[in-house]
Amino acid sequence: MSRRKKNTTGIPDFEIDSLARALLPAIQAYFETEEGQREFAAWQAERQQRQLNKKLNKEKESR
């Protein structure tokens, strides 16, 4: 069972859902392109590096 975050934006849920349904096909199409896949791979590498740096900083602080 997945948890859904509570909407605190003041925007009604049905409007957020409608916007998401409208944007999803364009987002999916973009990430199917070579450019989208390159950008996603770069984001993943950056995220992995940040997580590694965070882990190393925690280890340094615990010494």
PDB file of N, CA and C in Angstrom:
ATOM      1  N   MET A   1       0.841  -1.166   0.000  1.00  0.00           N
ATOM      2  CA  MET A   1       0.000   0.000   0.000  1.00  0.00           C
ATOM      3  C   MET A   1       0.892   1.238   0.000  1.00  0.00           C
ATOM      4  N   SER A   2       0.662   2.127  -0.951  1.00  0.00           N
ATOM      5  CA  SER A   2       1.501   3.314  -1.029  1.00  0.00           C
ATOM      6  C   SER A   2       0.875   4.453  -0.232  1.00  0.00           C
ATOM      7  N   ARG A   3       1.749   5.272   0.277  1.00  0.00           N
ATOM      8  CA  ARG A   3       1.294   6.451   1.016  1.00  0.00           C
ATOM      9  C   ARG A   3       1.191   7.610   0.061  1.00  0.00           C
ATOM     10  N   ARG A   4       0.192   8.398   0.215  1.00  0.00           N
ATOM     11  CA  ARG A   4       0.027   9.589  -0.604  1.00  0.00           C
ATOM     12  C   ARG A   4       0.264  10.802   0.278  1.00  0.00           C
ATOM     13  N   LYS A   5       1.111  11.697  -0.193  1.00  0.00           N
ATOM     14  CA  LYS A   5       1.377  12.911   0.571  1.00  0.00           C
ATOM     15  C   LYS A   5       0.129  13.776   0.596  1.00  0.00           C
ATOM     16  N   LYS A   6      -0.036  14.459   1.675  1.00  0.00           N
ATOM     17  CA  LYS A   6      -1.181  15.343   1.828  1.00  0.00           C
ATOM     18  C   LYS A   6      -0.959  16.607   0.993  1.00  0.00           C
ATOM     19  N   ASN A   7      -1.971  17.010   0.281  1.00  0.00           N
ATOM     20  CA  ASN A   7      -1.914  18.202  -0.552  1.00  0.00           C
ATOM     21  C   ASN A   7      -2.090  19.438   0.329  1.00  0.00           C
ATOM     22  N   THR A   8      -1.027  20.222   0.441  1.00  0.00           N
ATOM     23  CA  THR A   8      -1.084  21.448   1.253  1.00  0.00           C
ATOM     24  C   THR A   8      -0.947  22.696   0.393  1.00  0.00           C
ATOM     25  N   THR A   9      -1.130  22.551  -0.928  1.00  0.00           N
ATOM     26  CA  THR A   9      -0.923  23.676  -1.842  1.00  0.00           C
ATOM     27  C   THR A   9      -2.102  24.616  -1.916  1.00  0.00           C
ATOM     28  N   GLY A  10      -3.282  24.151  -1.521  1.00  0.00           N
ATOM     29  CA  GLY A  10      -4.475  24.956  -1.698  1.00  0.00           C
ATOM     30  C   GLY A  10      -5.121  24.719  -3.050  1.00  0.00           C
ATOM     31  N   ILE A  11      -4.439  23.960  -3.911  1.00  0.00           N
ATOM     32  CA  ILE A  11      -4.987  23.608  -5.215  1.00  0.00           C
ATOM     33  C   ILE A  11      -5.802  22.327  -5.037  1.00  0.00           C
ATOM     34  N   PRO A  12      -7.025  22.311  -5.519  1.00  0.00           N
ATOM     35  CA  PRO A  12      -7.847  21.109  -5.350  1.00  0.00           C
ATOM     36  C   PRO A  12      -7.202  19.875  -6.004  1.00  0.00           C
ATOM     37  N   ASP A  13      -7.348  18.731  -5.363  1.00  0.00           N
ATOM     38  CA  ASP A  13      -6.757  17.492  -5.872  1.00  0.00           C
ATOM     39  C   ASP A  13      -7.175  17.200  -7.307  1.00  0.00           C
ATOM     40  N   PHE A  14      -8.439  17.449  -7.652  1.00  0.00           N
ATOM     41  CA  PHE A  14      -8.894  17.130  -9.005  1.00  0.00           C
ATOM     42  C   PHE A  14      -8.163  17.967 -10.046  1.00  0.00           C
ATOM     43  N   GLU A  15      -7.758  19.194  -9.696  1.00  0.00           N
ATOM     44  CA  GLU A  15      -7.005  20.026 -10.635  1.00  0.00           C
ATOM     45  C   GLU A  15      -5.573  19.523 -10.789  1.00  0.00           C
ATOM     46  N   ILE A  16      -4.983  19.100  -9.704  1.00  0.00           N
ATOM     47  CA  ILE A  16      -3.630  18.529  -9.766  1.00  0.00           C
ATOM     48  C   ILE A  16      -3.653  17.252 -10.594  1.00  0.00           C
ATOM     49  N   ASP A  17      -4.651  16.407 -10.361  1.00  0.00           N
ATOM     50  CA  ASP A  17      -4.774  15.163 -11.124  1.00  0.00           C
ATOM     51  C   ASP A  17      -4.963  15.442 -12.615  1.00  0.00           C
ATOM     52  N   SER A  18      -5.790  16.423 -12.953  1.00  0.00           N
ATOM     53  CA  SER A  18      -6.023  16.777 -14.357  1.00  0.00           C
ATOM     54  C   SER A  18      -4.739  17.267 -15.022  1.00  0.00           C
ATOM     55  N   LEU A  19      -3.991  18.100 -14.316  1.00  0.00           N
ATOM     56  CA  LEU A  19      -2.730  18.596 -14.849  1.00  0.00           C
ATOM     57  C   LEU A  19      -1.731  17.455 -15.050  1.00  0.00           C
ATOM     58  N   ALA A  20      -1.660  16.570 -14.082  1.00  0.00           N
ATOM     59  CA  ALA A  20      -0.748  15.432 -14.182  1.00  0.00           C
ATOM     60  C   ALA A  20      -1.115  14.556 -15.380  1.00  0.00           C
ATOM     61  N   ARG A  21      -2.402  14.318 -15.582  1.00  0.00           N
ATOM     62  CA  ARG A  21      -2.842  13.497 -16.721  1.00  0.00           C
ATOM     63  C   ARG A  21      -2.519  14.167 -18.054  1.00  0.00           C
ATOM     64  N   ALA A  22      -2.583  15.479 -18.080  1.00  0.00           N
ATOM     65  CA  ALA A  22      -2.286  16.213 -19.307  1.00  0.00           C
ATOM     66  C   ALA A  22      -0.787  16.222 -19.614  1.00  0.00           C
ATOM     67  N   LEU A  23       0.034  16.323 -18.578  1.00  0.00           N
ATOM     68  CA  LEU A  23       1.489  16.428 -18.766  1.00  0.00           C
ATOM     69  C   LEU A  23       2.190  15.081 -18.923  1.00  0.00           C
ATOM     70  N   LEU A  24       1.643  14.033 -18.350  1.00  0.00           N
ATOM     71  CA  LEU A  24       2.322  12.736 -18.331  1.00  0.00           C
ATOM     72  C   LEU A  24       2.735  12.240 -19.715  1.00  0.00           C
ATOM     73  N   PRO A  25       1.874  12.255 -20.729  1.00  0.00           N
ATOM     74  CA  PRO A  25       2.302  11.760 -22.043  1.00  0.00           C
ATOM     75  C   PRO A  25       3.502  12.526 -22.617  1.00  0.00           C
ATOM     76  N   ALA A  26       3.536  13.835 -22.436  1.00  0.00           N
ATOM     77  CA  ALA A  26       4.660  14.629 -22.945  1.00  0.00           C
ATOM     78  C   ALA A  26       5.941  14.308 -22.184  1.00  0.00           C
ATOM     79  N   ILE A  27       5.835  14.122 -20.890  1.00  0.00           N
ATOM     80  CA  ILE A  27       7.005  13.779 -20.073  1.00  0.00           C
ATOM     81  C   ILE A  27       7.539  12.409 -20.466  1.00  0.00           C
ATOM     82  N   GLN A  28       6.629  11.447 -20.642  1.00  0.00           N
ATOM     83  CA  GLN A  28       7.050  10.102 -21.046  1.00  0.00           C
ATOM     84  C   GLN A  28       7.714  10.137 -22.415  1.00  0.00           C
ATOM     85  N   ALA A  29       7.143  10.885 -23.354  1.00  0.00           N
ATOM     86  CA  ALA A  29       7.720  10.974 -24.700  1.00  0.00           C
ATOM     87  C   ALA A  29       9.122  11.578 -24.643  1.00  0.00           C
ATOM     88  N   TYR A  30       9.316  12.595 -23.816  1.00  0.00           N
ATOM     89  CA  TYR A  30      10.633  13.220 -23.695  1.00  0.00           C
ATOM     90  C   TYR A  30      11.664  12.228 -23.172  1.00  0.00           C
ATOM     91  N   PHE A  31      11.317  11.479 -22.149  1.00  0.00           N
ATOM     92  CA  PHE A  31      12.281  10.557 -21.571  1.00  0.00           C
ATOM     93  C   PHE A  31      12.521   9.323 -22.427  1.00  0.00           C
ATOM     94  N   GLU A  32      11.753   9.156 -23.489  1.00  0.00           N
ATOM     95  CA  GLU A  32      12.018   8.094 -24.457  1.00  0.00           C
ATOM     96  C   GLU A  32      13.016   8.543 -25.518  1.00  0.00           C
ATOM     97  N   THR A  33      13.291   9.850 -25.608  1.00  0.00           N
ATOM     98  CA  THR A  33      14.259  10.368 -26.580  1.00  0.00           C
ATOM     99  C   THR A  33      15.677  10.160 -26.054  1.00  0.00           C
ATOM    100  N   GLU A  34      16.651  10.250 -26.972  1.00  0.00           N
ATOM    101  CA  GLU A  34      18.059  10.124 -26.570  1.00  0.00           C
ATOM    102  C   GLU A  34      18.445  11.234 -25.599  1.00  0.00           C
ATOM    103  N   GLU A  35      18.004  12.447 -25.899  1.00  0.00           N
ATOM    104  CA  GLU A  35      18.324  13.583 -25.026  1.00  0.00           C
ATOM    105  C   GLU A  35      17.751  13.367 -23.627  1.00  0.00           C
ATOM    106  N   GLY A  36      16.512  12.921 -23.548  1.00  0.00           N
ATOM    107  CA  GLY A  36      15.876  12.657 -22.262  1.00  0.00           C
ATOM    108  C   GLY A  36      16.592  11.570 -21.485  1.00  0.00           C
ATOM    109  N   GLN A  37      17.026  10.531 -22.193  1.00  0.00           N
ATOM    110  CA  GLN A  37      17.735   9.445 -21.527  1.00  0.00           C
ATOM    111  C   GLN A  37      19.108   9.889 -21.038  1.00  0.00           C
ATOM    112  N   ARG A  38      19.792  10.733 -21.834  1.00  0.00           N
ATOM    113  CA  ARG A  38      21.088  11.285 -21.389  1.00  0.00           C
ATOM    114  C   ARG A  38      20.904  12.150 -20.149  1.00  0.00           C
ATOM    115  N   GLU A  39      19.885  12.996 -20.184  1.00  0.00           N
ATOM    116  CA  GLU A  39      19.641  13.887 -19.056  1.00  0.00           C
ATOM    117  C   GLU A  39      19.292  13.087 -17.795  1.00  0.00           C
ATOM    118  N   PHE A  40      18.501  12.049 -17.958  1.00  0.00           N
ATOM    119  CA  PHE A  40      18.133  11.208 -16.819  1.00  0.00           C
ATOM    120  C   PHE A  40      19.366  10.497 -16.261  1.00  0.00           C
ATOM    121  N   ALA A  41      20.230   9.986 -17.143  1.00  0.00           N
ATOM    122  CA  ALA A  41      21.456   9.315 -16.695  1.00  0.00           C
ATOM    123  C   ALA A  41      22.360  10.301 -15.943  1.00  0.00           C
ATOM    124  N   ALA A  42      22.449  11.534 -16.433  1.00  0.00           N
ATOM    125  CA  ALA A  42      23.262  12.550 -15.752  1.00  0.00           C
ATOM    126  C   ALA A  42      22.667  12.866 -14.385  1.00  0.00           C
ATOM    127  N   TRP A  43      21.341  12.959 -14.311  1.00  0.00           N
ATOM    128  CA  TRP A  43      20.681  13.214 -13.030  1.00  0.00           C
ATOM    129  C   TRP A  43      20.944  12.070 -12.051  1.00  0.00           C
ATOM    130  N   GLN A  44      20.861  10.832 -12.545  1.00  0.00           N
ATOM    131  CA  GLN A  44      21.106   9.682 -11.674  1.00  0.00           C
ATOM    132  C   GLN A  44      22.536   9.696 -11.141  1.00  0.00           C
ATOM    133  N   ALA A  45      23.510   9.999 -12.009  1.00  0.00           N
ATOM    134  CA  ALA A  45      24.907  10.039 -11.591  1.00  0.00           C
ATOM    135  C   ALA A  45      25.124  11.136 -10.554  1.00  0.00           C
ATOM    136  N   GLU A  46      24.515  12.294 -10.778  1.00  0.00           N
ATOM    137  CA  GLU A  46      24.639  13.402  -9.827  1.00  0.00           C
ATOM    138  C   GLU A  46      24.017  13.038  -8.484  1.00  0.00           C
ATOM    139  N   ARG A  47      22.871  12.404  -8.529  1.00  0.00           N
ATOM    140  CA  ARG A  47      22.183  11.994  -7.299  1.00  0.00           C
ATOM    141  C   ARG A  47      23.015  10.961  -6.531  1.00  0.00           C
ATOM    142  N   GLN A  48      23.568  10.009  -7.266  1.00  0.00           N
ATOM    143  CA  GLN A  48      24.397   8.986  -6.630  1.00  0.00           C
ATOM    144  C   GLN A  48      25.630   9.618  -5.981  1.00  0.00           C
ATOM    145  N   GLN A  49      26.237  10.603  -6.655  1.00  0.00           N
ATOM    146  CA  GLN A  49      27.409  11.279  -6.114  1.00  0.00           C
ATOM    147  C   GLN A  49      27.050  12.054  -4.847  1.00  0.00           C
ATOM    148  N   ARG A  50      25.888  12.741  -4.860  1.00  0.00           N
ATOM    149  CA  ARG A  50      25.460  13.468  -3.661  1.00  0.00           C
ATOM    150  C   ARG A  50      25.226  12.522  -2.493  1.00  0.00           C
ATOM    151  N   GLN A  51      24.625  11.368  -2.769  1.00  0.00           N
ATOM    152  CA  GLN A  51      24.373  10.398  -1.703  1.00  0.00           C
ATOM    153  C   GLN A  51      25.685   9.862  -1.146  1.00  0.00           C
ATOM    154  N   LEU A  52      26.647   9.606  -2.026  1.00  0.00           N
ATOM    155  CA  LEU A  52      27.958   9.131  -1.585  1.00  0.00           C
ATOM    156  C   LEU A  52      28.646  10.189  -0.736  1.00  0.00           C
ATOM    157  N   ASN A  53      28.600  11.449  -1.184  1.00  0.00           N
ATOM    158  CA  ASN A  53      29.212  12.539  -0.420  1.00  0.00           C
ATOM    159  C   ASN A  53      28.553  12.679   0.948  1.00  0.00           C
ATOM    160  N   LYS A  54      27.244  12.564   0.983  1.00  0.00           N
ATOM    161  CA  LYS A  54      26.511  12.658   2.245  1.00  0.00           C
ATOM    162  C   LYS A  54      26.943  11.539   3.198  1.00  0.00           C
ATOM    163  N   LYS A  55      27.069  10.341   2.653  1.00  0.00           N
ATOM    164  CA  LYS A  55      27.486   9.190   3.464  1.00  0.00           C
ATOM    165  C   LYS A  55      28.909   9.395   3.993  1.00  0.00           C
ATOM    166  N   LEU A  56      29.796   9.884   3.126  1.00  0.00           N
ATOM    167  CA  LEU A  56      31.187  10.115   3.555  1.00  0.00           C
ATOM    168  C   LEU A  56      31.258  11.209   4.621  1.00  0.00           C
ATOM    169  N   ASN A  57      30.444  12.257   4.472  1.00  0.00           N
ATOM    170  CA  ASN A  57      30.428  13.326   5.469  1.00  0.00           C
ATOM    171  C   ASN A  57      29.928  12.829   6.816  1.00  0.00           C
ATOM    172  N   LYS A  58      28.926  11.959   6.804  1.00  0.00           N
ATOM    173  CA  LYS A  58      28.419  11.388   8.058  1.00  0.00           C
ATOM    174  C   LYS A  58      29.477  10.542   8.731  1.00  0.00           C
ATOM    175  N   GLU A  59      30.223   9.781   7.922  1.00  0.00           N
ATOM    176  CA  GLU A  59      31.295   8.948   8.492  1.00  0.00           C
ATOM    177  C   GLU A  59      32.388   9.810   9.095  1.00  0.00           C
ATOM    178  N   LYS A  60      32.720  10.918   8.444  1.00  0.00           N
ATOM    179  CA  LYS A  60      33.731  11.836   8.958  1.00  0.00           C
ATOM    180  C   LYS A  60      33.294  12.427  10.297  1.00  0.00           C
ATOM    181  N   GLU A  61      32.013  12.826  10.368  1.00  0.00           N
ATOM    182  CA  GLU A  61      31.491  13.454  11.576  1.00  0.00           C
ATOM    183  C   GLU A  61      31.432  12.467  12.745  1.00  0.00           C
ATOM    184  N   SER A  62      31.258  11.196  12.451  1.00  0.00           N
ATOM    185  CA  SER A  62      31.129  10.225  13.534  1.00  0.00           C
ATOM    186  C   SER A  62      32.486   9.812  14.095  1.00  0.00           C
ATOM    187  N   ARG A  63      33.568  10.244  13.460  1.00  0.00           N
ATOM    188  CA  ARG A  63      34.906   9.868  13.951  1.00  0.00           C
ATOM    189  C   ARG A  63      35.362  10.753  15.063  1.00  0.00           C
TER     190      ARG A  63
END
